[in-house]
N, C-alpha and C. Protein backbone atom coordinates (compact mmCIF):
# COMPACT_ATOMS: atom_id res chain seq x y z
N MET A 1 17.30 13.02 1.46
CA MET A 1 16.91 14.18 0.69
C MET A 1 16.44 13.78 -0.69
N LYS A 2 16.96 12.68 -1.20
CA LYS A 2 16.55 12.19 -2.51
C LYS A 2 15.05 11.89 -2.52
N ARG A 3 14.57 11.34 -1.41
CA ARG A 3 13.16 11.00 -1.28
C ARG A 3 12.28 12.25 -1.38
N ILE A 4 12.70 13.32 -0.75
CA ILE A 4 11.95 14.58 -0.81
C ILE A 4 11.86 15.05 -2.25
N GLY A 5 12.98 15.03 -2.96
CA GLY A 5 13.01 15.46 -4.36
C GLY A 5 12.11 14.62 -5.24
N GLU A 6 12.11 13.31 -5.02
CA GLU A 6 11.25 12.42 -5.80
C GLU A 6 9.78 12.73 -5.57
N HIS A 7 9.41 12.95 -4.31
CA HIS A 7 8.01 13.26 -4.00
C HIS A 7 7.60 14.61 -4.60
N ARG A 8 8.48 15.59 -4.51
CA ARG A 8 8.16 16.90 -5.10
C ARG A 8 8.01 16.81 -6.61
N LYS A 9 8.89 16.04 -7.24
CA LYS A 9 8.83 15.86 -8.69
C LYS A 9 7.53 15.17 -9.10
N LEU A 10 7.14 14.14 -8.36
CA LEU A 10 5.91 13.41 -8.67
C LEU A 10 4.69 14.33 -8.64
N LEU A 11 4.64 15.20 -7.65
CA LEU A 11 3.49 16.12 -7.54
C LEU A 11 3.71 17.42 -8.30
N GLY A 12 4.92 17.63 -8.80
CA GLY A 12 5.20 18.85 -9.57
C GLY A 12 5.21 20.10 -8.73
N VAL A 13 5.78 20.02 -7.52
CA VAL A 13 5.84 21.17 -6.63
C VAL A 13 7.29 21.45 -6.25
N ASP A 14 7.53 22.66 -5.75
CA ASP A 14 8.86 22.96 -5.22
C ASP A 14 8.77 23.12 -3.71
N LYS A 15 9.87 23.49 -3.09
CA LYS A 15 9.89 23.55 -1.63
C LYS A 15 9.09 24.70 -1.05
N THR A 16 8.61 25.62 -1.89
CA THR A 16 7.80 26.74 -1.40
C THR A 16 6.31 26.42 -1.38
N ALA A 17 5.92 25.21 -1.78
CA ALA A 17 4.50 24.84 -1.84
C ALA A 17 3.87 24.91 -0.45
N THR A 18 2.72 25.54 -0.36
CA THR A 18 1.98 25.63 0.90
C THR A 18 1.11 24.38 1.07
N LEU A 19 0.54 24.23 2.25
CA LEU A 19 -0.37 23.10 2.47
C LEU A 19 -1.57 23.19 1.52
N LYS A 20 -2.05 24.41 1.29
CA LYS A 20 -3.17 24.61 0.37
C LYS A 20 -2.79 24.17 -1.04
N ASP A 21 -1.58 24.55 -1.49
CA ASP A 21 -1.09 24.14 -2.82
C ASP A 21 -1.02 22.61 -2.92
N LEU A 22 -0.45 22.00 -1.89
CA LEU A 22 -0.30 20.53 -1.89
C LEU A 22 -1.66 19.84 -1.98
N LYS A 23 -2.61 20.34 -1.22
CA LYS A 23 -3.95 19.74 -1.20
C LYS A 23 -4.61 19.85 -2.58
N LEU A 24 -4.50 21.00 -3.20
CA LEU A 24 -5.10 21.22 -4.52
C LEU A 24 -4.46 20.32 -5.56
N ILE A 25 -3.14 20.27 -5.57
CA ILE A 25 -2.43 19.43 -6.53
C ILE A 25 -2.74 17.95 -6.29
N TYR A 26 -2.79 17.56 -5.04
CA TYR A 26 -3.13 16.18 -4.68
C TYR A 26 -4.51 15.81 -5.21
N ARG A 27 -5.48 16.64 -4.95
CA ARG A 27 -6.85 16.35 -5.40
C ARG A 27 -6.93 16.25 -6.92
N ASN A 28 -6.32 17.20 -7.61
CA ASN A 28 -6.36 17.19 -9.08
C ASN A 28 -5.64 15.96 -9.65
N THR A 29 -4.51 15.62 -9.06
CA THR A 29 -3.76 14.45 -9.52
C THR A 29 -4.55 13.17 -9.28
N MET A 30 -5.21 13.09 -8.14
CA MET A 30 -5.99 11.89 -7.84
C MET A 30 -7.22 11.77 -8.76
N LYS A 31 -7.79 12.90 -9.15
CA LYS A 31 -8.91 12.85 -10.10
C LYS A 31 -8.47 12.24 -11.42
N GLU A 32 -7.27 12.63 -11.87
CA GLU A 32 -6.75 12.13 -13.14
C GLU A 32 -6.33 10.67 -13.07
N ALA A 33 -5.80 10.26 -11.94
CA ALA A 33 -5.20 8.92 -11.83
C ALA A 33 -6.02 7.95 -10.99
N HIS A 34 -7.26 8.27 -10.72
CA HIS A 34 -8.06 7.38 -9.87
C HIS A 34 -8.41 6.09 -10.62
N PRO A 35 -8.21 4.94 -9.98
CA PRO A 35 -8.48 3.65 -10.63
C PRO A 35 -9.92 3.47 -11.11
N ASP A 36 -10.87 4.13 -10.49
CA ASP A 36 -12.28 3.99 -10.89
C ASP A 36 -12.55 4.56 -12.28
N LYS A 37 -11.65 5.38 -12.80
CA LYS A 37 -11.82 5.93 -14.15
C LYS A 37 -11.55 4.88 -15.23
N PHE A 38 -10.95 3.77 -14.85
CA PHE A 38 -10.54 2.75 -15.82
C PHE A 38 -11.37 1.48 -15.65
N VAL A 39 -12.67 1.61 -15.86
CA VAL A 39 -13.59 0.49 -15.63
C VAL A 39 -13.33 -0.68 -16.58
N ASP A 40 -13.17 -0.42 -17.86
CA ASP A 40 -13.00 -1.49 -18.84
C ASP A 40 -11.55 -1.69 -19.27
N ASP A 41 -10.64 -1.06 -18.60
CA ASP A 41 -9.22 -1.14 -18.96
C ASP A 41 -8.43 -1.65 -17.75
N GLU A 42 -8.24 -2.97 -17.68
CA GLU A 42 -7.60 -3.60 -16.53
C GLU A 42 -6.14 -3.13 -16.36
N ALA A 43 -5.41 -3.03 -17.46
CA ALA A 43 -4.02 -2.58 -17.39
C ALA A 43 -3.96 -1.12 -16.92
N GLY A 44 -4.84 -0.30 -17.44
CA GLY A 44 -4.90 1.10 -17.03
C GLY A 44 -5.28 1.24 -15.57
N LYS A 45 -6.18 0.36 -15.13
CA LYS A 45 -6.61 0.39 -13.74
C LYS A 45 -5.46 0.04 -12.80
N LEU A 46 -4.69 -0.99 -13.15
CA LEU A 46 -3.54 -1.38 -12.32
C LEU A 46 -2.49 -0.28 -12.27
N GLU A 47 -2.24 0.34 -13.42
CA GLU A 47 -1.28 1.44 -13.47
C GLU A 47 -1.77 2.62 -12.62
N ALA A 48 -3.06 2.90 -12.71
CA ALA A 48 -3.65 3.99 -11.93
C ALA A 48 -3.57 3.70 -10.43
N GLU A 49 -3.75 2.44 -10.04
CA GLU A 49 -3.64 2.07 -8.63
C GLU A 49 -2.23 2.34 -8.11
N GLU A 50 -1.23 1.96 -8.89
CA GLU A 50 0.16 2.19 -8.49
C GLU A 50 0.47 3.68 -8.40
N LYS A 51 0.00 4.43 -9.39
CA LYS A 51 0.24 5.88 -9.37
C LYS A 51 -0.47 6.51 -8.18
N SER A 52 -1.70 6.07 -7.91
CA SER A 52 -2.47 6.60 -6.78
C SER A 52 -1.72 6.37 -5.47
N LYS A 53 -1.18 5.17 -5.30
CA LYS A 53 -0.43 4.86 -4.08
C LYS A 53 0.77 5.79 -3.94
N SER A 54 1.47 6.00 -5.04
CA SER A 54 2.65 6.88 -5.02
C SER A 54 2.26 8.32 -4.71
N VAL A 55 1.17 8.77 -5.30
CA VAL A 55 0.70 10.15 -5.08
C VAL A 55 0.28 10.33 -3.63
N ILE A 56 -0.44 9.37 -3.08
CA ILE A 56 -0.88 9.44 -1.68
C ILE A 56 0.32 9.49 -0.75
N GLU A 57 1.30 8.62 -0.98
CA GLU A 57 2.51 8.60 -0.15
C GLU A 57 3.25 9.92 -0.25
N ALA A 58 3.42 10.43 -1.46
CA ALA A 58 4.13 11.69 -1.66
C ALA A 58 3.41 12.85 -0.96
N TYR A 59 2.10 12.89 -1.11
CA TYR A 59 1.31 13.95 -0.48
C TYR A 59 1.47 13.94 1.03
N HIS A 60 1.26 12.77 1.65
CA HIS A 60 1.35 12.68 3.11
C HIS A 60 2.77 13.01 3.60
N PHE A 61 3.76 12.56 2.86
CA PHE A 61 5.14 12.85 3.25
C PHE A 61 5.42 14.35 3.18
N LEU A 62 5.05 14.98 2.07
CA LEU A 62 5.32 16.42 1.90
C LEU A 62 4.53 17.26 2.90
N VAL A 63 3.31 16.84 3.22
CA VAL A 63 2.54 17.56 4.24
C VAL A 63 3.26 17.46 5.59
N SER A 64 3.82 16.29 5.90
CA SER A 64 4.45 16.09 7.21
C SER A 64 5.72 16.91 7.40
N ILE A 65 6.41 17.27 6.31
CA ILE A 65 7.63 18.07 6.46
C ILE A 65 7.42 19.54 6.08
N ASN A 66 6.21 19.89 5.72
CA ASN A 66 5.90 21.26 5.32
C ASN A 66 6.09 22.22 6.50
N PRO A 67 6.65 23.39 6.26
CA PRO A 67 6.86 24.36 7.35
C PRO A 67 5.58 24.70 8.13
N GLU A 68 4.44 24.72 7.46
CA GLU A 68 3.18 25.03 8.16
C GLU A 68 2.86 23.92 9.17
N THR A 69 3.06 22.68 8.77
CA THR A 69 2.82 21.55 9.67
C THR A 69 3.81 21.60 10.83
N GLN A 70 5.07 21.87 10.52
CA GLN A 70 6.10 21.91 11.56
C GLN A 70 5.82 23.05 12.55
N GLU A 71 5.36 24.16 12.05
CA GLU A 71 5.03 25.28 12.92
C GLU A 71 3.89 24.92 13.87
N LYS A 72 2.92 24.19 13.36
CA LYS A 72 1.76 23.78 14.15
C LYS A 72 2.18 22.93 15.35
N TYR A 73 3.19 22.09 15.17
CA TYR A 73 3.62 21.17 16.23
C TYR A 73 4.95 21.57 16.86
N LYS A 74 5.37 22.80 16.62
CA LYS A 74 6.68 23.25 17.09
C LYS A 74 6.82 23.17 18.61
N GLU A 75 5.78 23.60 19.33
CA GLU A 75 5.84 23.58 20.80
C GLU A 75 6.01 22.15 21.32
N GLU A 76 5.24 21.22 20.77
CA GLU A 76 5.34 19.81 21.18
C GLU A 76 6.72 19.25 20.85
N TYR A 77 7.22 19.56 19.66
CA TYR A 77 8.53 19.08 19.23
C TYR A 77 9.63 19.64 20.12
N THR A 78 9.58 20.94 20.37
CA THR A 78 10.59 21.60 21.20
C THR A 78 10.61 21.01 22.60
N GLU A 79 9.43 20.78 23.16
CA GLU A 79 9.36 20.18 24.50
C GLU A 79 9.95 18.77 24.49
N THR A 80 9.64 18.00 23.46
CA THR A 80 10.15 16.63 23.38
C THR A 80 11.66 16.61 23.28
N ILE A 81 12.23 17.39 22.38
CA ILE A 81 13.69 17.32 22.18
C ILE A 81 14.47 17.95 23.32
N SER A 82 13.84 18.83 24.09
CA SER A 82 14.57 19.46 25.18
C SER A 82 14.38 18.77 26.53
N LYS A 83 13.24 18.07 26.71
CA LYS A 83 12.95 17.50 28.02
C LYS A 83 12.87 15.98 28.06
N SER A 84 12.68 15.34 26.93
CA SER A 84 12.51 13.89 26.92
C SER A 84 13.77 13.21 26.37
N MET A 85 14.30 12.30 27.13
CA MET A 85 15.49 11.57 26.71
C MET A 85 15.13 10.61 25.57
N ILE A 86 16.14 10.19 24.84
CA ILE A 86 15.94 9.21 23.77
C ILE A 86 15.84 7.83 24.39
N GLN A 87 14.78 7.13 24.03
CA GLN A 87 14.59 5.76 24.51
C GLN A 87 15.28 4.77 23.57
N ASP A 88 15.12 5.00 22.26
CA ASP A 88 15.71 4.10 21.28
C ASP A 88 15.84 4.86 19.96
N PHE A 89 16.71 4.36 19.09
CA PHE A 89 16.86 4.96 17.77
C PHE A 89 17.41 3.92 16.82
N TYR A 90 17.08 4.06 15.55
CA TYR A 90 17.63 3.17 14.54
C TYR A 90 17.71 3.89 13.21
N TYR A 91 18.45 3.30 12.31
CA TYR A 91 18.83 3.97 11.07
C TYR A 91 18.56 3.05 9.90
N GLU A 92 17.95 3.62 8.85
CA GLU A 92 17.70 2.85 7.64
C GLU A 92 17.59 3.80 6.46
N LYS A 93 18.39 3.57 5.44
CA LYS A 93 18.33 4.35 4.20
C LYS A 93 18.38 5.86 4.43
N SER A 94 19.36 6.31 5.16
CA SER A 94 19.57 7.74 5.45
C SER A 94 18.48 8.37 6.30
N ILE A 95 17.66 7.55 6.95
CA ILE A 95 16.63 8.07 7.84
C ILE A 95 16.91 7.57 9.25
N LEU A 96 17.07 8.51 10.17
CA LEU A 96 17.30 8.19 11.58
C LEU A 96 15.96 8.33 12.29
N LYS A 97 15.49 7.24 12.87
CA LYS A 97 14.23 7.26 13.62
C LYS A 97 14.58 7.29 15.10
N VAL A 98 14.01 8.27 15.81
CA VAL A 98 14.32 8.47 17.21
C VAL A 98 13.03 8.36 18.03
N GLN A 99 13.04 7.41 18.97
CA GLN A 99 11.91 7.20 19.89
C GLN A 99 12.27 7.82 21.23
N HIS A 100 11.41 8.71 21.72
CA HIS A 100 11.65 9.38 23.00
C HIS A 100 10.90 8.69 24.13
N VAL A 101 11.36 8.91 25.34
CA VAL A 101 10.75 8.31 26.53
C VAL A 101 9.29 8.73 26.67
N ASN A 102 8.94 9.94 26.22
CA ASN A 102 7.56 10.41 26.31
C ASN A 102 6.63 9.79 25.27
N GLY A 103 7.17 8.88 24.44
CA GLY A 103 6.36 8.17 23.45
C GLY A 103 6.39 8.77 22.06
N LYS A 104 6.92 9.97 21.91
CA LYS A 104 6.96 10.61 20.59
C LYS A 104 8.10 10.03 19.76
N MET A 105 7.85 9.90 18.45
CA MET A 105 8.88 9.40 17.55
C MET A 105 9.01 10.36 16.38
N TYR A 106 10.27 10.64 16.01
CA TYR A 106 10.55 11.53 14.90
C TYR A 106 11.54 10.87 13.95
N GLU A 107 11.40 11.20 12.66
CA GLU A 107 12.33 10.74 11.63
C GLU A 107 13.16 11.94 11.19
N TYR A 108 14.46 11.73 11.06
CA TYR A 108 15.36 12.76 10.55
C TYR A 108 15.88 12.27 9.21
N ILE A 109 15.66 13.05 8.17
CA ILE A 109 15.90 12.63 6.80
C ILE A 109 17.23 13.16 6.29
N GLY A 110 17.99 12.28 5.65
CA GLY A 110 19.26 12.67 5.06
C GLY A 110 20.44 12.62 6.01
N VAL A 111 20.31 11.86 7.09
CA VAL A 111 21.40 11.74 8.07
C VAL A 111 22.47 10.80 7.51
N PRO A 112 23.70 11.26 7.44
CA PRO A 112 24.77 10.38 6.94
C PRO A 112 25.03 9.21 7.91
N ARG A 113 25.43 8.10 7.34
CA ARG A 113 25.70 6.91 8.15
C ARG A 113 26.77 7.17 9.22
N ASN A 114 27.80 7.95 8.88
CA ASN A 114 28.85 8.21 9.86
C ASN A 114 28.32 9.02 11.06
N THR A 115 27.33 9.87 10.85
CA THR A 115 26.72 10.61 11.96
C THR A 115 25.96 9.65 12.86
N TYR A 116 25.25 8.71 12.25
CA TYR A 116 24.54 7.68 13.03
C TYR A 116 25.53 6.86 13.85
N ILE A 117 26.64 6.47 13.25
CA ILE A 117 27.65 5.67 13.97
C ILE A 117 28.21 6.46 15.15
N LYS A 118 28.44 7.76 14.96
CA LYS A 118 28.90 8.60 16.07
C LYS A 118 27.86 8.66 17.18
N MET A 119 26.59 8.67 16.80
CA MET A 119 25.52 8.70 17.80
C MET A 119 25.49 7.38 18.58
N VAL A 120 25.68 6.27 17.88
CA VAL A 120 25.71 4.96 18.54
C VAL A 120 26.84 4.92 19.57
N ASN A 121 27.97 5.49 19.22
CA ASN A 121 29.15 5.44 20.09
C ASN A 121 29.20 6.57 21.13
N ALA A 122 28.27 7.48 21.09
CA ALA A 122 28.25 8.61 22.02
C ALA A 122 27.89 8.14 23.43
N ASP A 123 28.47 8.82 24.43
CA ASP A 123 28.14 8.51 25.82
C ASP A 123 26.66 8.77 26.10
N SER A 124 26.14 9.82 25.49
CA SER A 124 24.73 10.18 25.65
C SER A 124 24.12 10.47 24.29
N PRO A 125 23.35 9.52 23.74
CA PRO A 125 22.70 9.78 22.45
C PRO A 125 21.81 11.03 22.48
N SER A 126 21.17 11.29 23.62
CA SER A 126 20.31 12.47 23.72
C SER A 126 21.12 13.76 23.58
N ARG A 127 22.26 13.82 24.25
CA ARG A 127 23.12 15.01 24.15
C ARG A 127 23.69 15.13 22.73
N PHE A 128 24.11 14.01 22.15
CA PHE A 128 24.62 14.02 20.79
C PHE A 128 23.55 14.54 19.82
N ALA A 129 22.32 14.06 19.98
CA ALA A 129 21.23 14.49 19.09
C ALA A 129 20.97 15.98 19.23
N ARG A 130 20.99 16.49 20.47
CA ARG A 130 20.77 17.92 20.67
C ARG A 130 21.84 18.75 19.96
N ARG A 131 23.06 18.25 19.93
CA ARG A 131 24.17 18.99 19.33
C ARG A 131 24.29 18.80 17.82
N HIS A 132 23.95 17.60 17.33
CA HIS A 132 24.27 17.27 15.94
C HIS A 132 23.10 16.86 15.04
N ILE A 133 21.95 16.57 15.63
CA ILE A 133 20.81 16.09 14.83
C ILE A 133 19.70 17.14 14.79
N TYR A 134 19.18 17.48 15.95
CA TYR A 134 18.08 18.44 16.02
C TYR A 134 18.51 19.77 15.42
N GLY A 135 17.72 20.29 14.53
CA GLY A 135 18.03 21.56 13.89
C GLY A 135 18.95 21.44 12.68
N SER A 136 19.49 20.25 12.46
CA SER A 136 20.42 20.08 11.33
C SER A 136 19.80 19.32 10.16
N TYR A 137 18.72 18.59 10.42
CA TYR A 137 18.12 17.76 9.37
C TYR A 137 16.62 17.99 9.31
N VAL A 138 16.07 17.77 8.12
CA VAL A 138 14.62 17.82 7.94
C VAL A 138 14.04 16.69 8.79
N TYR A 139 12.99 16.99 9.51
CA TYR A 139 12.38 15.97 10.36
C TYR A 139 10.87 15.94 10.15
N ARG A 140 10.29 14.85 10.61
CA ARG A 140 8.83 14.75 10.62
C ARG A 140 8.43 13.83 11.76
N LYS A 141 7.25 14.08 12.29
CA LYS A 141 6.73 13.24 13.34
C LYS A 141 6.38 11.89 12.72
N ASN A 142 6.77 10.84 13.40
CA ASN A 142 6.54 9.50 12.87
C ASN A 142 5.47 8.77 13.64
N GLY A 143 4.94 9.34 14.67
CA GLY A 143 3.91 8.67 15.45
C GLY A 143 4.26 8.66 16.91
N GLU A 144 3.49 7.88 17.63
CA GLU A 144 3.70 7.75 19.07
C GLU A 144 3.64 6.28 19.43
N ALA A 145 4.36 5.95 20.48
CA ALA A 145 4.38 4.56 20.94
C ALA A 145 3.00 4.20 21.48
N MET A 146 2.67 2.95 21.36
CA MET A 146 1.39 2.46 21.88
C MET A 146 1.46 2.40 23.40
N GLU A 147 0.40 2.79 24.05
CA GLU A 147 0.32 2.71 25.51
C GLU A 147 -0.03 1.28 25.91
N ASN A 148 0.61 0.78 26.94
CA ASN A 148 0.30 -0.58 27.42
C ASN A 148 -0.76 -0.54 28.49
């Protein structure tokens, strides 16, 4: 959850920001901090590059967890969590990444380590996730497995 707050603070938005708001703020921020504006100022250019990277990361992250984005993919998400078993999962820095048999991967943000440990020790990680993970944590789609 700390990560969400940091991204919102960087872009100066709150949790009610719409996709349209995020896009507008992103564009305006990038205009101000674009490295091309610092042609003769090498230090300013490097600083602008770092800020640009942070702004891009924050924008993409906030778009991925935005309610409008989640609503758009709700049917796919619901089908995945109800019909596809968990193939693999791992935990890093309060983020639980869950890979499903159907190839979809989701990140759950702010999961406590003890919840992850309980999931590791559960007879069925899929059943545990349905009861204790899905619907309890902010999530975002993390991608899909590569087809062989």
